[in-house]
């Protein structure tokens, strides 16, 4: 819990960074969020730090992806 001392910045920028990470695979390929999460969980064995962290954070990460998609629709480039 060493990171508990730090506040998480809840912002559009953080959401966009999460979106980029959670929709891009290790070789740069595009992924659906759920496929990307499953891909990570397959690479890291249950009980590992990464597996535990991704499993616990999944709802938050999904929310960030959904918020970013909504922003992209509302503000097309």
C-alpha atoms as a PDB file:
ATOM      1  CA  UNK A   1       0.000   0.000   0.000  1.00  0.00           C
ATOM      2  CA  UNK A   2       2.942   2.344  -0.481  1.00  0.00           C
ATOM      3  CA  UNK A   3       1.077   4.100  -3.301  1.00  0.00           C
ATOM      4  CA  UNK A   4      -1.872   4.866  -1.009  1.00  0.00           C
ATOM      5  CA  UNK A   5       0.017   7.955   0.108  1.00  0.00           C
ATOM      6  CA  UNK A   6      -0.490   9.479  -3.344  1.00  0.00           C
ATOM      7  CA  UNK A   7      -3.695  10.952  -4.718  1.00  0.00           C
ATOM      8  CA  UNK A   8      -4.844   9.672  -8.098  1.00  0.00           C
ATOM      9  CA  UNK A   9      -5.475  12.419 -10.600  1.00  0.00           C
ATOM     10  CA  UNK A  10      -8.947  11.799 -12.003  1.00  0.00           C
ATOM     11  CA  UNK A  11      -8.868  13.690 -15.277  1.00  0.00           C
ATOM     12  CA  UNK A  12      -9.508  13.426 -18.991  1.00  0.00           C
ATOM     13  CA  UNK A  13      -5.745  13.141 -19.516  1.00  0.00           C
ATOM     14  CA  UNK A  14      -5.467  10.130 -17.189  1.00  0.00           C
ATOM     15  CA  UNK A  15      -8.496   8.554 -18.876  1.00  0.00           C
ATOM     16  CA  UNK A  16      -6.894   9.078 -22.308  1.00  0.00           C
ATOM     17  CA  UNK A  17      -3.619   7.487 -21.181  1.00  0.00           C
ATOM     18  CA  UNK A  18      -5.503   4.494 -19.796  1.00  0.00           C
ATOM     19  CA  UNK A  19      -7.519   4.300 -23.035  1.00  0.00           C
ATOM     20  CA  UNK A  20      -4.308   4.223 -25.089  1.00  0.00           C
ATOM     21  CA  UNK A  21      -2.818   1.482 -22.915  1.00  0.00           C
ATOM     22  CA  UNK A  22      -5.979  -0.602 -22.610  1.00  0.00           C
ATOM     23  CA  UNK A  23      -6.783  -0.593 -26.344  1.00  0.00           C
ATOM     24  CA  UNK A  24      -3.279  -1.246 -27.659  1.00  0.00           C
ATOM     25  CA  UNK A  25      -1.487  -4.586 -27.521  1.00  0.00           C
ATOM     26  CA  UNK A  26       2.186  -5.253 -26.828  1.00  0.00           C
ATOM     27  CA  UNK A  27       3.051  -5.109 -30.540  1.00  0.00           C
ATOM     28  CA  UNK A  28       1.030  -1.937 -31.174  1.00  0.00           C
ATOM     29  CA  UNK A  29      -2.081  -3.684 -32.482  1.00  0.00           C
ATOM     30  CA  UNK A  30      -5.578  -2.376 -31.696  1.00  0.00           C
ATOM     31  CA  UNK A  31      -7.524  -4.307 -29.085  1.00  0.00           C
ATOM     32  CA  UNK A  32     -11.014  -4.221 -27.668  1.00  0.00           C
ATOM     33  CA  UNK A  33     -10.830  -3.448 -23.934  1.00  0.00           C
ATOM     34  CA  UNK A  34     -12.005  -6.878 -22.759  1.00  0.00           C
ATOM     35  CA  UNK A  35      -9.676  -8.679 -25.173  1.00  0.00           C
ATOM     36  CA  UNK A  36      -6.759  -6.532 -23.974  1.00  0.00           C
ATOM     37  CA  UNK A  37      -7.509  -7.283 -20.322  1.00  0.00           C
ATOM     38  CA  UNK A  38      -7.786 -11.003 -21.069  1.00  0.00           C
ATOM     39  CA  UNK A  39      -4.496 -10.856 -22.987  1.00  0.00           C
ATOM     40  CA  UNK A  40      -2.758  -9.314 -19.977  1.00  0.00           C
ATOM     41  CA  UNK A  41      -4.267 -11.820 -17.564  1.00  0.00           C
ATOM     42  CA  UNK A  42      -3.091 -14.726 -19.753  1.00  0.00           C
ATOM     43  CA  UNK A  43       0.486 -13.381 -19.839  1.00  0.00           C
ATOM     44  CA  UNK A  44       0.707 -12.999 -16.059  1.00  0.00           C
ATOM     45  CA  UNK A  45      -0.057 -15.929 -13.803  1.00  0.00           C
ATOM     46  CA  UNK A  46      -2.778 -15.701 -11.171  1.00  0.00           C
ATOM     47  CA  UNK A  47      -1.341 -14.376  -7.938  1.00  0.00           C
ATOM     48  CA  UNK A  48       1.289 -12.226  -9.660  1.00  0.00           C
ATOM     49  CA  UNK A  49       1.343  -8.505  -8.906  1.00  0.00           C
ATOM     50  CA  UNK A  50       0.254  -7.589 -12.430  1.00  0.00           C
ATOM     51  CA  UNK A  51      -2.569 -10.136 -12.536  1.00  0.00           C
ATOM     52  CA  UNK A  52      -3.859  -8.978  -9.152  1.00  0.00           C
ATOM     53  CA  UNK A  53      -3.586  -5.280  -9.980  1.00  0.00           C
ATOM     54  CA  UNK A  54      -5.298  -5.573 -13.378  1.00  0.00           C
ATOM     55  CA  UNK A  55      -8.058  -7.760 -11.947  1.00  0.00           C
ATOM     56  CA  UNK A  56      -8.719  -5.303  -9.124  1.00  0.00           C
ATOM     57  CA  UNK A  57      -8.519  -2.211 -11.359  1.00  0.00           C
ATOM     58  CA  UNK A  58     -10.617  -3.636 -14.216  1.00  0.00           C
ATOM     59  CA  UNK A  59     -13.806  -1.670 -13.379  1.00  0.00           C
ATOM     60  CA  UNK A  60     -11.865   1.600 -13.053  1.00  0.00           C
ATOM     61  CA  UNK A  61      -9.920   0.951 -16.265  1.00  0.00           C
ATOM     62  CA  UNK A  62     -13.117   0.101 -18.147  1.00  0.00           C
ATOM     63  CA  UNK A  63     -14.696   3.322 -16.899  1.00  0.00           C
ATOM     64  CA  UNK A  64     -11.734   5.340 -18.168  1.00  0.00           C
ATOM     65  CA  UNK A  65     -12.005   3.699 -21.601  1.00  0.00           C
ATOM     66  CA  UNK A  66     -15.752   4.367 -21.730  1.00  0.00           C
ATOM     67  CA  UNK A  67     -15.344   8.009 -20.645  1.00  0.00           C
ATOM     68  CA  UNK A  68     -12.683   8.567 -23.310  1.00  0.00           C
ATOM     69  CA  UNK A  69     -14.842   6.996 -26.014  1.00  0.00           C
ATOM     70  CA  UNK A  70     -17.728   9.261 -24.960  1.00  0.00           C
ATOM     71  CA  UNK A  71     -15.438  12.311 -25.131  1.00  0.00           C
ATOM     72  CA  UNK A  72     -14.244  11.279 -28.595  1.00  0.00           C
ATOM     73  CA  UNK A  73     -17.832  11.042 -29.850  1.00  0.00           C
ATOM     74  CA  UNK A  74     -18.768  14.368 -28.273  1.00  0.00           C
ATOM     75  CA  UNK A  75     -15.661  16.134 -29.628  1.00  0.00           C
ATOM     76  CA  UNK A  76     -14.859  14.599 -33.029  1.00  0.00           C
ATOM     77  CA  UNK A  77     -11.521  15.594 -34.483  1.00  0.00           C
END
